[in-house]
Amino acid sequence: MVTTIPGSEILTSGLNMISQSLQVPVIIFLVIFAFFAVVTLGSLIAEYTSRKKVSPDLLEKLIYSISRADSVEELMSIIKNAGIYENQKVILVKILRADSLPNKTRETLARKLIEFEETELGKTIEKTDIITRIGPTLGLMGTLIPMGPGLAALGAGDVNTLANAIIVAFDTTVVGIGAGAVGYFVSKIRRRWYEEDLSNSDALADALLDKLNR
């Protein structure tokens, strides 16, 4: 006859208590993630409708205009009237206003400005990246946590408790995977957009630095 060790029973009970106590927080976080996923998808659509398309032709035209400018005032006018994003204009204006700095220092400033912009854009993507990674994990936790009591209830012949546990398990799985899928989609689209924007900013900054260094 196998004797159950009391210490083992205590550990098992402790694990079960911890597991069951996580069910409500998991469901709450899943609801928050689902709400945030819907809001984020809406903001992506709004961002798409207001997004400026900086074509290669426009970028080439701006670079040539910067290269052919005869004065700082003309460069400032070109930047302010360019069909690019305001944050890109801010970076270029700050570089232009640093024309009194040594070349190396001005290049360092330009690099740091672009790095700061990259960090700010990265923070936006991080939010949906968190949903992408944690949403399905919470969904899996929400699936497994109620199944323990549900299977125990089945052993006692309580089919209704098992049915309720399965419903909760399926609901949390769907919400977790759905939120993760939306987060992945939004992150993928925004990452492509922002990489293109940073590449354009880098090209314009290089053209402006080359002009100022002459």
C-alpha atoms as a PDB file:
ATOM      1  CA  MET A   1       0.000   0.000   0.000  1.00  0.00           C
ATOM      2  CA  VAL A   2       1.362   3.392  -1.025  1.00  0.00           C
ATOM      3  CA  THR A   3       1.319   6.010   1.708  1.00  0.00           C
ATOM      4  CA  THR A   4       0.774   9.638   0.723  1.00  0.00           C
ATOM      5  CA  ILE A   5       3.319  11.949   2.259  1.00  0.00           C
ATOM      6  CA  PRO A   6       1.591  14.814   4.129  1.00  0.00           C
ATOM      7  CA  GLY A   7       4.183  17.278   2.853  1.00  0.00           C
ATOM      8  CA  SER A   8       3.356  16.281  -0.693  1.00  0.00           C
ATOM      9  CA  GLU A   9      -0.336  16.892  -0.039  1.00  0.00           C
ATOM     10  CA  ILE A  10       0.456  20.356   1.283  1.00  0.00           C
ATOM     11  CA  LEU A  11       2.494  21.203  -1.822  1.00  0.00           C
ATOM     12  CA  THR A  12      -0.210  19.876  -4.124  1.00  0.00           C
ATOM     13  CA  SER A  13      -2.903  21.833  -2.305  1.00  0.00           C
ATOM     14  CA  GLY A  14      -0.739  24.936  -2.437  1.00  0.00           C
ATOM     15  CA  LEU A  15      -0.195  24.596  -6.176  1.00  0.00           C
ATOM     16  CA  ASN A  16      -3.910  24.051  -6.723  1.00  0.00           C
ATOM     17  CA  MET A  17      -4.772  27.111  -4.639  1.00  0.00           C
ATOM     18  CA  ILE A  18      -2.293  29.265  -6.572  1.00  0.00           C
ATOM     19  CA  SER A  19      -3.574  27.946  -9.891  1.00  0.00           C
ATOM     20  CA  GLN A  20      -7.239  28.576  -9.082  1.00  0.00           C
ATOM     21  CA  SER A  21      -6.512  32.026  -7.653  1.00  0.00           C
ATOM     22  CA  LEU A  22      -5.071  33.031 -11.026  1.00  0.00           C
ATOM     23  CA  GLN A  23      -8.284  32.365 -12.936  1.00  0.00           C
ATOM     24  CA  VAL A  24      -9.970  35.695 -12.212  1.00  0.00           C
ATOM     25  CA  PRO A  25      -6.838  37.818 -12.922  1.00  0.00           C
ATOM     26  CA  VAL A  26      -6.279  35.905 -16.166  1.00  0.00           C
ATOM     27  CA  ILE A  27      -9.845  36.560 -17.312  1.00  0.00           C
ATOM     28  CA  ILE A  28      -9.560  40.244 -16.361  1.00  0.00           C
ATOM     29  CA  PHE A  29      -6.328  40.644 -18.333  1.00  0.00           C
ATOM     30  CA  LEU A  30      -7.852  38.844 -21.307  1.00  0.00           C
ATOM     31  CA  VAL A  31     -10.786  41.267 -21.307  1.00  0.00           C
ATOM     32  CA  ILE A  32      -8.349  44.206 -21.139  1.00  0.00           C
ATOM     33  CA  PHE A  33      -6.236  42.752 -23.957  1.00  0.00           C
ATOM     34  CA  ALA A  34      -9.324  42.154 -26.112  1.00  0.00           C
ATOM     35  CA  PHE A  35     -10.487  45.744 -25.573  1.00  0.00           C
ATOM     36  CA  PHE A  36      -7.014  47.113 -26.307  1.00  0.00           C
ATOM     37  CA  ALA A  37      -6.774  44.968 -29.463  1.00  0.00           C
ATOM     38  CA  VAL A  38     -10.028  46.445 -30.790  1.00  0.00           C
ATOM     39  CA  VAL A  39      -8.907  50.002 -29.966  1.00  0.00           C
ATOM     40  CA  THR A  40      -5.498  49.380 -31.557  1.00  0.00           C
ATOM     41  CA  LEU A  41      -7.075  48.031 -34.720  1.00  0.00           C
ATOM     42  CA  GLY A  42      -9.228  51.141 -34.920  1.00  0.00           C
ATOM     43  CA  SER A  43      -6.188  53.389 -34.435  1.00  0.00           C
ATOM     44  CA  LEU A  44      -4.372  51.501 -37.192  1.00  0.00           C
ATOM     45  CA  ILE A  45      -7.231  52.188 -39.596  1.00  0.00           C
ATOM     46  CA  ALA A  46      -7.247  55.864 -38.591  1.00  0.00           C
ATOM     47  CA  GLU A  47      -3.476  56.044 -39.035  1.00  0.00           C
ATOM     48  CA  TYR A  48      -3.746  54.440 -42.463  1.00  0.00           C
ATOM     49  CA  THR A  49      -6.358  56.936 -43.662  1.00  0.00           C
ATOM     50  CA  SER A  50      -4.219  59.908 -42.569  1.00  0.00           C
ATOM     51  CA  ARG A  51      -0.881  58.438 -43.582  1.00  0.00           C
ATOM     52  CA  LYS A  52       1.209  60.298 -46.158  1.00  0.00           C
ATOM     53  CA  LYS A  53       2.765  58.240 -48.896  1.00  0.00           C
ATOM     54  CA  VAL A  54       6.332  59.406 -49.430  1.00  0.00           C
ATOM     55  CA  SER A  55       7.073  57.978 -52.867  1.00  0.00           C
ATOM     56  CA  PRO A  56      10.608  57.366 -54.184  1.00  0.00           C
ATOM     57  CA  ASP A  57      10.048  60.178 -56.704  1.00  0.00           C
ATOM     58  CA  LEU A  58       9.164  62.640 -53.945  1.00  0.00           C
ATOM     59  CA  LEU A  59      12.166  61.552 -51.883  1.00  0.00           C
ATOM     60  CA  GLU A  60      14.460  61.935 -54.906  1.00  0.00           C
ATOM     61  CA  LYS A  61      13.023  65.375 -55.644  1.00  0.00           C
ATOM     62  CA  LEU A  62      13.603  66.524 -52.060  1.00  0.00           C
ATOM     63  CA  ILE A  63      17.198  65.271 -52.061  1.00  0.00           C
ATOM     64  CA  TYR A  64      17.928  67.117 -55.310  1.00  0.00           C
ATOM     65  CA  SER A  65      16.254  70.258 -53.979  1.00  0.00           C
ATOM     66  CA  ILE A  66      18.353  70.129 -50.818  1.00  0.00           C
ATOM     67  CA  SER A  67      21.513  69.592 -52.831  1.00  0.00           C
ATOM     68  CA  ARG A  68      20.787  72.570 -55.135  1.00  0.00           C
ATOM     69  CA  ALA A  69      19.739  75.033 -52.417  1.00  0.00           C
ATOM     70  CA  ASP A  70      21.835  78.195 -52.222  1.00  0.00           C
ATOM     71  CA  SER A  71      21.162  79.305 -48.645  1.00  0.00           C
ATOM     72  CA  VAL A  72      19.994  78.185 -45.226  1.00  0.00           C
ATOM     73  CA  GLU A  73      16.766  80.107 -45.742  1.00  0.00           C
ATOM     74  CA  GLU A  74      16.059  78.202 -48.937  1.00  0.00           C
ATOM     75  CA  LEU A  75      16.796  74.897 -47.194  1.00  0.00           C
ATOM     76  CA  MET A  76      14.386  75.853 -44.411  1.00  0.00           C
ATOM     77  CA  SER A  77      11.689  76.662 -46.966  1.00  0.00           C
ATOM     78  CA  ILE A  78      12.222  73.350 -48.763  1.00  0.00           C
ATOM     79  CA  ILE A  79      11.929  71.385 -45.522  1.00  0.00           C
ATOM     80  CA  LYS A  80       8.832  73.210 -44.253  1.00  0.00           C
ATOM     81  CA  ASN A  81       7.007  72.838 -47.582  1.00  0.00           C
ATOM     82  CA  ALA A  82       7.995  69.206 -48.116  1.00  0.00           C
ATOM     83  CA  GLY A  83       5.241  66.585 -48.224  1.00  0.00           C
ATOM     84  CA  ILE A  84       6.714  64.560 -45.362  1.00  0.00           C
ATOM     85  CA  TYR A  85       5.681  63.936 -41.764  1.00  0.00           C
ATOM     86  CA  GLU A  86       5.941  66.664 -39.157  1.00  0.00           C
ATOM     87  CA  ASN A  87       8.322  64.624 -36.999  1.00  0.00           C
ATOM     88  CA  GLN A  88      10.629  64.251 -40.006  1.00  0.00           C
ATOM     89  CA  LYS A  89      10.498  68.008 -40.576  1.00  0.00           C
ATOM     90  CA  VAL A  90      11.345  68.612 -36.915  1.00  0.00           C
ATOM     91  CA  ILE A  91      14.454  66.423 -37.201  1.00  0.00           C
ATOM     92  CA  LEU A  92      15.634  68.158 -40.381  1.00  0.00           C
ATOM     93  CA  VAL A  93      14.982  71.639 -38.967  1.00  0.00           C
ATOM     94  CA  LYS A  94      16.985  70.820 -35.827  1.00  0.00           C
ATOM     95  CA  ILE A  95      19.868  69.604 -37.996  1.00  0.00           C
ATOM     96  CA  LEU A  96      19.652  72.723 -40.122  1.00  0.00           C
ATOM     97  CA  ARG A  97      19.676  75.010 -37.093  1.00  0.00           C
ATOM     98  CA  ALA A  98      22.858  73.274 -35.925  1.00  0.00           C
ATOM     99  CA  ASP A  99      24.807  74.631 -38.910  1.00  0.00           C
ATOM    100  CA  SER A 100      27.124  76.480 -36.512  1.00  0.00           C
ATOM    101  CA  LEU A 101      28.294  73.215 -34.942  1.00  0.00           C
ATOM    102  CA  PRO A 102      31.370  71.340 -36.175  1.00  0.00           C
ATOM    103  CA  ASN A 103      30.623  68.735 -38.831  1.00  0.00           C
ATOM    104  CA  LYS A 104      31.267  65.759 -36.566  1.00  0.00           C
ATOM    105  CA  THR A 105      29.130  67.162 -33.768  1.00  0.00           C
ATOM    106  CA  ARG A 106      26.300  67.936 -36.171  1.00  0.00           C
ATOM    107  CA  GLU A 107      26.417  64.396 -37.537  1.00  0.00           C
ATOM    108  CA  THR A 108      26.263  63.027 -33.988  1.00  0.00           C
ATOM    109  CA  LEU A 109      23.257  65.218 -33.251  1.00  0.00           C
ATOM    110  CA  ALA A 110      21.505  64.009 -36.398  1.00  0.00           C
ATOM    111  CA  ARG A 111      22.154  60.395 -35.509  1.00  0.00           C
ATOM    112  CA  LYS A 112      20.815  60.845 -31.977  1.00  0.00           C
ATOM    113  CA  LEU A 113      17.691  62.622 -33.235  1.00  0.00           C
ATOM    114  CA  ILE A 114      16.903  59.735 -35.562  1.00  0.00           C
ATOM    115  CA  GLU A 115      17.661  57.200 -32.826  1.00  0.00           C
ATOM    116  CA  PHE A 116      15.280  59.028 -30.486  1.00  0.00           C
ATOM    117  CA  GLU A 117      12.568  58.948 -33.145  1.00  0.00           C
ATOM    118  CA  GLU A 118      13.210  55.231 -33.649  1.00  0.00           C
ATOM    119  CA  THR A 119      12.830  54.674 -29.903  1.00  0.00           C
ATOM    120  CA  GLU A 120       9.533  56.562 -29.809  1.00  0.00           C
ATOM    121  CA  LEU A 121       8.144  54.567 -32.733  1.00  0.00           C
ATOM    122  CA  GLY A 122       9.413  51.369 -31.121  1.00  0.00           C
ATOM    123  CA  LYS A 123       7.406  52.122 -27.972  1.00  0.00           C
ATOM    124  CA  THR A 124       4.238  52.171 -30.057  1.00  0.00           C
ATOM    125  CA  ILE A 125       5.026  48.774 -31.559  1.00  0.00           C
ATOM    126  CA  GLU A 126       6.007  47.310 -28.168  1.00  0.00           C
ATOM    127  CA  LYS A 127       2.424  47.630 -26.913  1.00  0.00           C
ATOM    128  CA  THR A 128       1.023  45.359 -29.611  1.00  0.00           C
ATOM    129  CA  ASP A 129       4.056  43.071 -29.359  1.00  0.00           C
ATOM    130  CA  ILE A 130       3.109  42.468 -25.723  1.00  0.00           C
ATOM    131  CA  ILE A 131      -0.408  41.449 -26.774  1.00  0.00           C
ATOM    132  CA  THR A 132       1.027  39.184 -29.464  1.00  0.00           C
ATOM    133  CA  ARG A 133       3.191  37.293 -26.979  1.00  0.00           C
ATOM    134  CA  ILE A 134       1.132  37.340 -23.783  1.00  0.00           C
ATOM    135  CA  GLY A 135      -2.398  37.108 -25.220  1.00  0.00           C
ATOM    136  CA  PRO A 136      -2.139  33.456 -26.358  1.00  0.00           C
ATOM    137  CA  THR A 137      -0.278  32.578 -23.144  1.00  0.00           C
ATOM    138  CA  LEU A 138      -3.096  33.957 -21.026  1.00  0.00           C
ATOM    139  CA  GLY A 139      -5.557  32.143 -23.269  1.00  0.00           C
ATOM    140  CA  LEU A 140      -3.748  28.863 -22.589  1.00  0.00           C
ATOM    141  CA  MET A 141      -3.715  29.561 -18.845  1.00  0.00           C
ATOM    142  CA  GLY A 142      -7.434  30.350 -18.980  1.00  0.00           C
ATOM    143  CA  THR A 143      -7.939  27.027 -20.746  1.00  0.00           C
ATOM    144  CA  LEU A 144      -6.020  24.857 -18.301  1.00  0.00           C
ATOM    145  CA  ILE A 145      -7.015  26.448 -14.983  1.00  0.00           C
ATOM    146  CA  PRO A 146     -10.740  25.532 -15.031  1.00  0.00           C
ATOM    147  CA  MET A 147     -10.106  22.072 -16.491  1.00  0.00           C
ATOM    148  CA  GLY A 148      -8.700  20.756 -13.194  1.00  0.00           C
ATOM    149  CA  PRO A 149     -11.888  21.274 -11.189  1.00  0.00           C
ATOM    150  CA  GLY A 150     -13.927  20.330 -14.248  1.00  0.00           C
ATOM    151  CA  LEU A 151     -12.272  16.913 -14.581  1.00  0.00           C
ATOM    152  CA  ALA A 152     -12.533  16.391 -10.826  1.00  0.00           C
ATOM    153  CA  ALA A 153     -16.252  17.158 -11.073  1.00  0.00           C
ATOM    154  CA  LEU A 154     -16.575  14.650 -13.926  1.00  0.00           C
ATOM    155  CA  GLY A 155     -15.103  11.982 -11.662  1.00  0.00           C
ATOM    156  CA  ALA A 156     -17.844  12.785  -9.179  1.00  0.00           C
ATOM    157  CA  GLY A 157     -20.508  12.638 -11.875  1.00  0.00           C
ATOM    158  CA  ASP A 158     -21.102  16.400 -11.993  1.00  0.00           C
ATOM    159  CA  VAL A 159     -21.389  16.987 -15.732  1.00  0.00           C
ATOM    160  CA  ASN A 160     -22.718  20.551 -15.394  1.00  0.00           C
ATOM    161  CA  THR A 161     -19.547  21.758 -13.649  1.00  0.00           C
ATOM    162  CA  LEU A 162     -17.442  20.156 -16.364  1.00  0.00           C
ATOM    163  CA  ALA A 163     -19.554  21.819 -19.078  1.00  0.00           C
ATOM    164  CA  ASN A 164     -19.115  25.239 -17.465  1.00  0.00           C
ATOM    165  CA  ALA A 165     -15.363  24.667 -17.171  1.00  0.00           C
ATOM    166  CA  ILE A 166     -15.132  23.748 -20.863  1.00  0.00           C
ATOM    167  CA  ILE A 167     -17.069  26.879 -21.835  1.00  0.00           C
ATOM    168  CA  VAL A 168     -14.680  29.067 -19.855  1.00  0.00           C
ATOM    169  CA  ALA A 169     -11.706  27.199 -21.349  1.00  0.00           C
ATOM    170  CA  PHE A 170     -12.912  27.691 -24.926  1.00  0.00           C
ATOM    171  CA  ASP A 171     -13.824  31.361 -24.384  1.00  0.00           C
ATOM    172  CA  THR A 172     -10.448  32.258 -22.912  1.00  0.00           C
ATOM    173  CA  THR A 173      -8.645  30.397 -25.688  1.00  0.00           C
ATOM    174  CA  VAL A 174     -10.538  32.230 -28.417  1.00  0.00           C
ATOM    175  CA  VAL A 175     -10.061  35.648 -26.790  1.00  0.00           C
ATOM    176  CA  GLY A 176      -6.355  35.057 -26.148  1.00  0.00           C
ATOM    177  CA  ILE A 177      -5.585  33.848 -29.650  1.00  0.00           C
ATOM    178  CA  GLY A 178      -7.785  36.547 -31.219  1.00  0.00           C
ATOM    179  CA  ALA A 179      -6.086  39.344 -29.283  1.00  0.00           C
ATOM    180  CA  GLY A 180      -2.669  37.906 -30.171  1.00  0.00           C
ATOM    181  CA  ALA A 181      -3.588  37.705 -33.861  1.00  0.00           C
ATOM    182  CA  VAL A 182      -4.744  41.342 -33.933  1.00  0.00           C
ATOM    183  CA  GLY A 183      -1.595  42.417 -32.094  1.00  0.00           C
ATOM    184  CA  TYR A 184       0.604  40.541 -34.558  1.00  0.00           C
ATOM    185  CA  PHE A 185      -1.187  42.060 -37.550  1.00  0.00           C
ATOM    186  CA  VAL A 186      -0.959  45.618 -36.206  1.00  0.00           C
ATOM    187  CA  SER A 187       2.707  45.220 -35.208  1.00  0.00           C
ATOM    188  CA  LYS A 188       3.588  43.793 -38.618  1.00  0.00           C
ATOM    189  CA  ILE A 189       1.957  46.671 -40.512  1.00  0.00           C
ATOM    190  CA  ARG A 190       3.305  49.416 -38.260  1.00  0.00           C
ATOM    191  CA  ARG A 191       6.809  47.969 -38.219  1.00  0.00           C
ATOM    192  CA  ARG A 192       6.894  48.126 -42.036  1.00  0.00           C
ATOM    193  CA  TRP A 193       5.564  51.682 -42.035  1.00  0.00           C
ATOM    194  CA  TYR A 194       7.963  52.928 -39.397  1.00  0.00           C
ATOM    195  CA  GLU A 195      11.001  51.259 -40.943  1.00  0.00           C
ATOM    196  CA  GLU A 196      10.177  53.025 -44.206  1.00  0.00           C
ATOM    197  CA  ASP A 197       9.739  56.352 -42.401  1.00  0.00           C
ATOM    198  CA  LEU A 198      13.048  55.999 -40.556  1.00  0.00           C
ATOM    199  CA  SER A 199      14.810  55.050 -43.782  1.00  0.00           C
ATOM    200  CA  ASN A 200      13.440  58.183 -45.460  1.00  0.00           C
ATOM    201  CA  SER A 201      14.449  60.334 -42.489  1.00  0.00           C
ATOM    202  CA  ASP A 202      17.940  58.882 -42.602  1.00  0.00           C
ATOM    203  CA  ALA A 203      18.275  59.576 -46.344  1.00  0.00           C
ATOM    204  CA  LEU A 204      17.060  63.163 -46.013  1.00  0.00           C
ATOM    205  CA  ALA A 205      19.288  63.789 -42.990  1.00  0.00           C
ATOM    206  CA  ASP A 206      22.325  62.488 -44.911  1.00  0.00           C
ATOM    207  CA  ALA A 207      21.507  64.765 -47.848  1.00  0.00           C
ATOM    208  CA  LEU A 208      21.135  67.762 -45.545  1.00  0.00           C
ATOM    209  CA  LEU A 209      24.378  66.973 -43.671  1.00  0.00           C
ATOM    210  CA  ASP A 210      26.254  66.594 -46.934  1.00  0.00           C
ATOM    211  CA  LYS A 211      24.952  69.982 -48.045  1.00  0.00           C
ATOM    212  CA  LEU A 212      25.883  71.682 -44.764  1.00  0.00           C
ATOM    213  CA  ASN A 213      29.330  70.065 -44.688  1.00  0.00           C
ATOM    214  CA  ARG A 214      30.328  71.522 -48.046  1.00  0.00           C
END
